């Protein structure tokens, strides 16, 4: 009983703390925030213009007219993992704005069975303890209009904090940069995440590691390497809103999400891989919104050895009234979905309503 549990733990530690470039380092920062955006399959790089722009494209913070706050909660993997987000943004002047956001992705009350068997080989359930693992991302955002009409840019400075109980913890730092351009009601956006690469340094508790390193003879005899690098990712978007008889609107958006490595994305080469996403938002009098999107196109190998293209369809609904907006998204529908997400709720409030 002891060894299988230890194998899982050792594998998790080795994966989390491995050095150099990792395809999925700090992946919790790529899940997404705001149910409105998630309902459109994250295809909002060009159109984002509120407090949540600090995550999607900091250039969009220029659209914030007053102080705004945003909150989101979601549960993943059958309610095992909890994902929470909070954001704040406000204009500095007519030309610039700033924002602050915090993300936490955590799993609590994990059983620590590393001392389940005592020195005499007896199983003692009283030796089981609990620990938590949590990833935190704190982002400070700044946006400013350029002197060129229609152009605006934004920059994110990120601090990453990751904790695995008493076993290990890390600090990471990185930057994002984004640009938006609008002309003739067409919107274009470019977001480069981890533009300078994001570098994580791990501190591994050697005393805790020594308790388990000999659990499997001949394996895990050395400490995992203590650094990892997150490669840049590029997101290119285009969007346009169509107004129909004053009361109705349709926002159509497309994203091309690019990683500079070979993955299972539908378009993949040795140099880069591209995952397209398409989103639609139907609005009525800027009060009620219906959303749909599809993205996360992946080449999937099935159990019988055949290949297929998997994708993730999303839907959502939103309500906005006097500066308060509540949104819901269902992001795991249909047999084609390759994700493990489900119900997402978020709320956004313009704090100016309290001064009216």
Protein backbone atom coordinates (compact mmCIF):
# COMPACT_ATOMS: atom_id res chain seq x y z
CA UNK A 1 0.00 0.00 0.00
CA UNK A 2 2.80 2.36 0.80
CA UNK A 3 4.77 2.10 -2.42
CA UNK A 4 1.97 2.96 -4.88
CA UNK A 5 1.12 6.07 -2.89
CA UNK A 6 4.75 7.07 -2.79
CA UNK A 7 5.16 6.55 -6.53
CA UNK A 8 2.39 9.07 -7.14
CA UNK A 9 3.94 11.57 -4.78
CA UNK A 10 7.45 11.18 -6.19
CA UNK A 11 6.20 11.54 -9.73
CA UNK A 12 4.33 14.73 -8.86
CA UNK A 13 7.39 16.23 -7.19
CA UNK A 14 9.70 15.34 -10.03
CA UNK A 15 7.34 16.78 -12.64
CA UNK A 16 6.71 19.99 -10.73
CA UNK A 17 10.35 20.71 -9.95
CA UNK A 18 12.12 19.64 -13.11
CA UNK A 19 14.53 22.10 -14.60
CA UNK A 20 14.76 23.98 -17.86
CA UNK A 21 12.00 24.42 -20.42
CA UNK A 22 8.70 22.68 -19.72
CA UNK A 23 5.79 22.55 -22.14
CA UNK A 24 3.26 22.99 -19.35
CA UNK A 25 5.05 25.01 -16.69
CA UNK A 26 2.80 27.30 -14.62
CA UNK A 27 -0.13 25.97 -16.59
CA UNK A 28 -2.63 27.17 -13.98
CA UNK A 29 -2.02 30.68 -15.34
CA UNK A 30 -3.45 29.60 -18.71
CA UNK A 31 -6.86 28.33 -17.54
CA UNK A 32 -8.60 31.66 -18.00
CA UNK A 33 -10.80 34.00 -15.96
CA UNK A 34 -14.28 35.54 -16.30
CA UNK A 35 -17.23 33.36 -17.30
CA UNK A 36 -18.07 35.75 -20.13
CA UNK A 37 -14.72 35.11 -21.82
CA UNK A 38 -14.78 31.39 -21.09
CA UNK A 39 -18.22 31.10 -22.67
CA UNK A 40 -16.67 32.43 -25.88
CA UNK A 41 -13.85 29.83 -25.77
CA UNK A 42 -11.36 32.52 -24.60
CA UNK A 43 -11.46 34.26 -28.00
CA UNK A 44 -11.32 37.76 -26.44
CA UNK A 45 -7.76 38.97 -27.05
CA UNK A 46 -9.00 41.72 -29.38
CA UNK A 47 -12.31 42.63 -27.70
CA UNK A 48 -11.52 42.59 -23.96
CA UNK A 49 -12.00 46.05 -22.44
CA UNK A 50 -12.77 45.74 -18.73
CA UNK A 51 -11.16 44.77 -15.42
CA UNK A 52 -10.51 41.24 -16.71
CA UNK A 53 -8.25 42.64 -19.44
CA UNK A 54 -5.42 42.43 -16.93
CA UNK A 55 -5.51 38.70 -17.65
CA UNK A 56 -6.59 38.51 -21.31
CA UNK A 57 -4.77 41.53 -22.75
CA UNK A 58 -3.65 44.39 -20.49
CA UNK A 59 -4.07 46.89 -23.36
CA UNK A 60 -7.83 46.51 -22.90
CA UNK A 61 -7.71 48.20 -19.50
CA UNK A 62 -7.98 51.49 -21.39
CA UNK A 63 -11.68 50.65 -21.71
CA UNK A 64 -12.20 50.89 -17.93
CA UNK A 65 -14.13 54.10 -17.22
CA UNK A 66 -14.33 53.84 -13.44
CA UNK A 67 -13.18 51.53 -10.66
CA UNK A 68 -14.13 47.92 -11.38
CA UNK A 69 -13.85 44.67 -9.46
CA UNK A 70 -14.32 41.12 -10.69
CA UNK A 71 -14.64 37.81 -8.85
CA UNK A 72 -14.77 34.24 -10.12
CA UNK A 73 -14.94 30.77 -8.60
CA UNK A 74 -14.78 27.38 -10.26
CA UNK A 75 -14.31 23.76 -9.20
CA UNK A 76 -12.35 21.28 -11.29
CA UNK A 77 -11.79 17.52 -11.39
CA UNK A 78 -15.02 16.52 -9.62
CA UNK A 79 -14.66 19.32 -7.05
CA UNK A 80 -11.18 18.22 -6.02
CA UNK A 81 -9.44 21.42 -7.13
CA UNK A 82 -10.65 24.96 -6.42
CA UNK A 83 -9.91 27.87 -8.75
CA UNK A 84 -10.46 31.45 -7.58
CA UNK A 85 -9.80 34.83 -9.13
CA UNK A 86 -10.15 38.44 -8.04
CA UNK A 87 -9.37 41.53 -10.10
CA UNK A 88 -9.41 45.30 -9.67
CA UNK A 89 -8.83 48.06 -12.22
CA UNK A 90 -9.25 51.81 -12.53
CA UNK A 91 -8.27 54.60 -14.91
CA UNK A 92 -5.30 56.82 -14.05
CA UNK A 93 -6.27 59.54 -16.50
CA UNK A 94 -7.74 59.76 -20.00
CA UNK A 95 -4.67 58.08 -21.46
CA UNK A 96 -3.81 55.29 -19.02
CA UNK A 97 -5.13 52.74 -16.52
CA UNK A 98 -3.85 50.12 -14.10
CA UNK A 99 -5.06 46.88 -12.57
CA UNK A 100 -4.25 44.17 -10.04
CA UNK A 101 -5.37 40.54 -10.11
CA UNK A 102 -4.86 37.43 -7.99
CA UNK A 103 -5.36 33.80 -9.02
CA UNK A 104 -5.33 30.76 -6.74
CA UNK A 105 -5.51 27.16 -7.93
CA UNK A 106 -5.38 24.71 -5.05
CA UNK A 107 -6.09 21.22 -3.80
CA UNK A 108 -6.68 21.00 -0.05
CA UNK A 109 -6.72 18.15 2.49
CA UNK A 110 -4.46 15.76 0.58
CA UNK A 111 -3.57 12.63 2.54
CA UNK A 112 0.11 12.44 3.44
CA UNK A 113 0.87 8.71 3.75
CA UNK A 114 4.66 8.99 3.66
CA UNK A 115 4.83 7.88 7.30
CA UNK A 116 1.96 5.40 7.19
CA UNK A 117 4.28 2.48 8.05
CA UNK A 118 6.36 2.81 11.18
CA UNK A 119 9.97 1.67 11.69
CA UNK A 120 8.79 -1.84 12.63
CA UNK A 121 6.75 -2.29 9.46
CA UNK A 122 3.34 -1.78 11.07
CA UNK A 123 0.58 0.23 9.40
CA UNK A 124 -0.52 3.04 11.68
CA UNK A 125 -3.34 5.20 10.32
CA UNK A 126 -2.72 7.73 13.08
CA UNK A 127 0.47 8.66 11.22
CA UNK A 128 -1.53 10.00 8.26
CA UNK A 129 -1.61 13.79 8.05
CA UNK A 130 -3.11 16.32 5.66
CA UNK A 131 -1.46 18.91 3.46
CA UNK A 132 -2.45 21.32 0.70
CA UNK A 133 -0.92 22.31 -2.59
CA UNK A 134 -1.64 25.74 -4.01
CA UNK A 135 -0.50 27.89 -6.92
CA UNK A 136 -0.80 31.68 -6.74
CA UNK A 137 -0.42 34.25 -9.51
CA UNK A 138 -0.32 37.96 -8.67
CA UNK A 139 -0.35 40.32 -11.64
CA UNK A 140 0.11 44.09 -11.78
CA UNK A 141 -1.07 45.61 -15.08
CA UNK A 142 -0.52 48.97 -16.74
CA UNK A 143 -2.09 50.22 -19.99
CA UNK A 144 -1.66 53.37 -22.04
CA UNK A 145 -2.90 54.83 -25.31
CA UNK A 146 -0.33 55.39 -28.01
CA UNK A 147 -0.10 58.64 -29.96
CA UNK A 148 -1.13 56.70 -33.05
CA UNK A 149 -4.96 56.82 -33.21
CA UNK A 150 -6.60 53.49 -32.38
CA UNK A 151 -3.51 51.92 -30.78
CA UNK A 152 -3.05 51.08 -27.11
CA UNK A 153 -0.64 48.82 -25.24
CA UNK A 154 -0.41 47.13 -21.88
CA UNK A 155 2.19 45.37 -19.73
CA UNK A 156 1.84 42.77 -16.97
CA UNK A 157 4.36 42.08 -14.23
CA UNK A 158 3.68 38.68 -12.63
CA UNK A 159 4.75 37.04 -9.39
CA UNK A 160 4.21 33.28 -9.16
CA UNK A 161 4.07 31.50 -5.80
CA UNK A 162 3.67 27.71 -5.65
CA UNK A 163 3.48 25.61 -2.49
CA UNK A 164 3.35 21.83 -2.05
CA UNK A 165 2.73 21.34 1.67
CA UNK A 166 5.98 21.19 3.61
CA UNK A 167 7.71 19.40 0.74
CA UNK A 168 8.57 22.25 -1.62
CA UNK A 169 7.78 25.81 -2.62
CA UNK A 170 8.82 28.19 -5.37
CA UNK A 171 8.89 31.80 -6.50
CA UNK A 172 8.62 32.88 -10.12
CA UNK A 173 8.68 36.16 -12.01
CA UNK A 174 7.64 37.10 -15.53
CA UNK A 175 6.12 39.67 -17.88
CA UNK A 176 3.35 39.84 -20.48
CA UNK A 177 2.83 42.47 -23.13
CA UNK A 178 -0.29 43.23 -25.18
CA UNK A 179 -1.42 45.55 -27.96
CA UNK A 180 -4.85 46.44 -29.32
CA UNK A 181 -5.83 48.36 -32.45
CA UNK A 182 -9.27 49.46 -33.63
CA UNK A 183 -10.29 50.79 -37.03
CA UNK A 184 -13.68 50.94 -38.75
CA UNK A 185 -15.24 48.91 -35.90
CA UNK A 186 -12.75 46.09 -36.43
CA UNK A 187 -10.65 45.22 -33.39
CA UNK A 188 -7.26 43.52 -33.44
CA UNK A 189 -5.30 42.23 -30.46
CA UNK A 190 -1.91 40.73 -29.79
CA UNK A 191 -0.91 39.24 -26.43
CA UNK A 192 2.48 37.69 -25.66
CA UNK A 193 2.51 35.81 -22.37
CA UNK A 194 5.79 35.25 -20.54
CA UNK A 195 7.47 37.42 -23.14
CA UNK A 196 10.85 37.28 -21.33
CA UNK A 197 10.13 33.70 -20.22
CA UNK A 198 8.93 33.17 -16.64
CA UNK A 199 11.56 31.70 -14.34
CA UNK A 200 10.64 29.62 -11.28
CA UNK A 201 13.09 28.77 -8.51
CA UNK A 202 12.14 25.88 -6.22
CA UNK A 203 13.13 25.29 -2.63
CA UNK A 204 12.89 21.59 -1.79
CA UNK A 205 12.67 20.41 1.82
CA UNK A 206 15.51 17.90 1.95
CA UNK A 207 14.40 16.46 5.29
CA UNK A 208 11.00 15.55 3.87
CA UNK A 209 12.56 14.27 0.66
CA UNK A 210 14.96 12.02 2.54
CA UNK A 211 12.00 10.26 4.16
CA UNK A 212 10.81 8.92 0.81
CA UNK A 213 13.77 8.87 -1.56
CA UNK A 214 14.55 5.19 -0.85
CA UNK A 215 10.95 4.01 -1.19
CA UNK A 216 11.72 2.57 -4.65
CA UNK A 217 15.23 1.03 -4.83
CA UNK A 218 17.41 2.59 -7.49
CA UNK A 219 15.03 5.45 -8.25
CA UNK A 220 14.67 9.06 -7.08
CA UNK A 221 18.04 8.99 -5.35
CA UNK A 222 18.86 12.62 -6.12
CA UNK A 223 16.99 15.82 -5.44
CA UNK A 224 14.94 17.11 -8.40
CA UNK A 225 16.45 20.10 -10.13
CA UNK A 226 15.31 23.36 -8.63
CA UNK A 227 14.39 25.60 -11.57
CA UNK A 228 12.00 25.67 -14.52
CA UNK A 229 11.34 28.05 -17.40
CA UNK A 230 7.99 28.93 -18.97
CA UNK A 231 8.28 29.66 -22.69
CA UNK A 232 6.48 32.61 -24.35
CA UNK A 233 3.03 32.08 -25.83
CA UNK A 234 1.46 34.33 -28.46
CA UNK A 235 -2.25 35.04 -28.89
CA UNK A 236 -3.52 36.89 -31.95
CA UNK A 237 -7.16 37.98 -32.10
CA UNK A 238 -9.65 39.76 -34.32
CA UNK A 239 -13.20 40.79 -33.44
CA UNK A 240 -16.11 42.87 -34.66
CA UNK A 241 -19.46 43.82 -33.14
CA UNK A 242 -22.49 44.07 -35.41
CA UNK A 243 -25.45 46.19 -34.28
CA UNK A 244 -28.87 45.03 -35.52
CA UNK A 245 -31.80 47.43 -35.21
CA UNK A 246 -30.29 49.25 -32.24
CA UNK A 247 -31.36 46.71 -29.59
CA UNK A 248 -29.50 43.62 -30.79
CA UNK A 249 -25.79 43.00 -31.19
CA UNK A 250 -23.55 40.16 -32.29
CA UNK A 251 -19.88 40.07 -31.31
CA UNK A 252 -17.81 37.68 -33.43
CA UNK A 253 -14.23 36.90 -32.44
CA UNK A 254 -11.40 34.61 -33.53
CA UNK A 255 -8.16 33.78 -31.73
CA UNK A 256 -5.00 32.02 -32.86
CA UNK A 257 -3.21 30.73 -29.77
CA UNK A 258 0.41 29.85 -30.46
CA UNK A 259 3.04 27.96 -28.47
CA UNK A 260 6.63 27.92 -29.70
CA UNK A 261 6.99 24.17 -29.41
CA UNK A 262 5.48 21.02 -30.87
CA UNK A 263 2.29 19.92 -29.11
CA UNK A 264 -0.96 18.09 -29.91
CA UNK A 265 -2.55 21.28 -31.26
CA UNK A 266 -4.36 20.85 -34.56
CA UNK A 267 -1.63 22.85 -36.34
CA UNK A 268 1.76 21.71 -35.08
CA UNK A 269 5.35 21.97 -36.33
CA UNK A 270 8.77 21.76 -34.77
CA UNK A 271 8.82 25.56 -34.49
CA UNK A 272 5.30 26.38 -33.28
CA UNK A 273 1.83 24.98 -32.65
CA UNK A 274 -1.45 26.83 -33.22
CA UNK A 275 -4.79 26.24 -31.53
CA UNK A 276 -7.62 28.34 -33.05
CA UNK A 277 -10.68 29.48 -31.10
CA UNK A 278 -13.94 31.04 -32.25
CA UNK A 279 -16.45 32.87 -30.07
CA UNK A 280 -19.86 34.55 -30.51
CA UNK A 281 -21.83 36.78 -28.16
CA UNK A 282 -25.44 37.75 -28.83
CA UNK A 283 -26.63 40.75 -26.82
CA UNK A 284 -30.00 42.37 -26.25
CA UNK A 285 -30.09 46.06 -25.15
CA UNK A 286 -26.77 45.55 -23.36
CA UNK A 287 -28.77 43.70 -20.71
CA UNK A 288 -28.88 39.99 -21.61
CA UNK A 289 -26.12 38.02 -23.35
CA UNK A 290 -25.95 34.55 -24.87
CA UNK A 291 -22.52 33.17 -25.73
CA UNK A 292 -20.99 30.21 -27.52
CA UNK A 293 -17.51 29.24 -28.56
CA UNK A 294 -15.30 26.39 -29.62
CA UNK A 295 -11.57 25.94 -29.11
CA UNK A 296 -8.88 23.68 -27.69
CA UNK A 297 -8.56 21.76 -30.96
CA UNK A 298 -6.27 18.80 -30.30
CA UNK A 299 -5.07 15.73 -32.17
CA UNK A 300 -6.16 12.88 -29.91
CA UNK A 301 -5.11 9.21 -30.09
CA UNK A 302 -7.92 6.96 -28.91
CA UNK A 303 -7.62 3.67 -27.03
CA UNK A 304 -8.04 1.67 -30.24
CA UNK A 305 -5.05 3.45 -31.78
CA UNK A 306 -7.02 5.62 -34.19
CA UNK A 307 -6.65 9.39 -34.27
CA UNK A 308 -9.32 12.07 -34.12
CA UNK A 309 -9.58 15.80 -33.63
CA UNK A 310 -10.91 16.71 -30.21
CA UNK A 311 -12.28 20.13 -29.39
CA UNK A 312 -13.98 21.97 -26.55
CA UNK A 313 -17.37 23.60 -27.15
CA UNK A 314 -18.49 26.21 -24.61
CA UNK A 315 -21.74 28.06 -23.93
CA UNK A 316 -22.67 30.85 -21.55
CA UNK A 317 -25.19 33.43 -20.46
CA UNK A 318 -24.85 36.84 -18.81
CA UNK A 319 -26.98 39.57 -17.23
CA UNK A 320 -26.00 43.20 -16.77
CA UNK A 321 -27.94 45.82 -14.84
CA UNK A 322 -26.83 49.20 -13.50
CA UNK A 323 -23.14 48.38 -13.42
CA UNK A 324 -23.46 44.83 -12.03
CA UNK A 325 -22.83 41.93 -14.39
CA UNK A 326 -23.27 38.24 -13.53
CA UNK A 327 -22.05 35.59 -15.97
CA UNK A 328 -22.18 31.82 -16.21
CA UNK A 329 -20.33 29.46 -18.55
CA UNK A 330 -20.50 25.73 -19.14
CA UNK A 331 -17.14 24.76 -20.58
CA UNK A 332 -17.32 20.99 -20.99
CA UNK A 333 -20.16 19.96 -23.28
CA UNK A 334 -20.52 17.29 -25.94
CA UNK A 335 -18.62 14.08 -26.60
CA UNK A 336 -15.85 15.92 -28.48
CA UNK A 337 -14.60 17.84 -25.46
CA UNK A 338 -11.04 17.13 -24.34
CA UNK A 339 -11.16 19.31 -21.22
CA UNK A 340 -12.10 18.64 -17.63
CA UNK A 341 -13.85 21.90 -16.86
CA UNK A 342 -17.49 22.49 -15.98
CA UNK A 343 -19.55 25.25 -14.34
CA UNK A 344 -18.03 28.73 -14.06
CA UNK A 345 -19.59 31.72 -12.30
CA UNK A 346 -18.27 35.27 -12.20
CA UNK A 347 -19.44 38.72 -11.19
CA UNK A 348 -18.21 42.16 -12.26
CA UNK A 349 -19.12 45.42 -10.54
CA UNK A 350 -18.56 49.04 -11.58
CA UNK A 351 -17.95 50.69 -8.23
CA UNK A 352 -19.16 54.01 -9.58
CA UNK A 353 -22.77 52.87 -9.00
CA UNK A 354 -22.28 53.40 -5.28
CA UNK A 355 -21.62 57.12 -5.82
CA UNK A 356 -24.76 57.77 -7.82
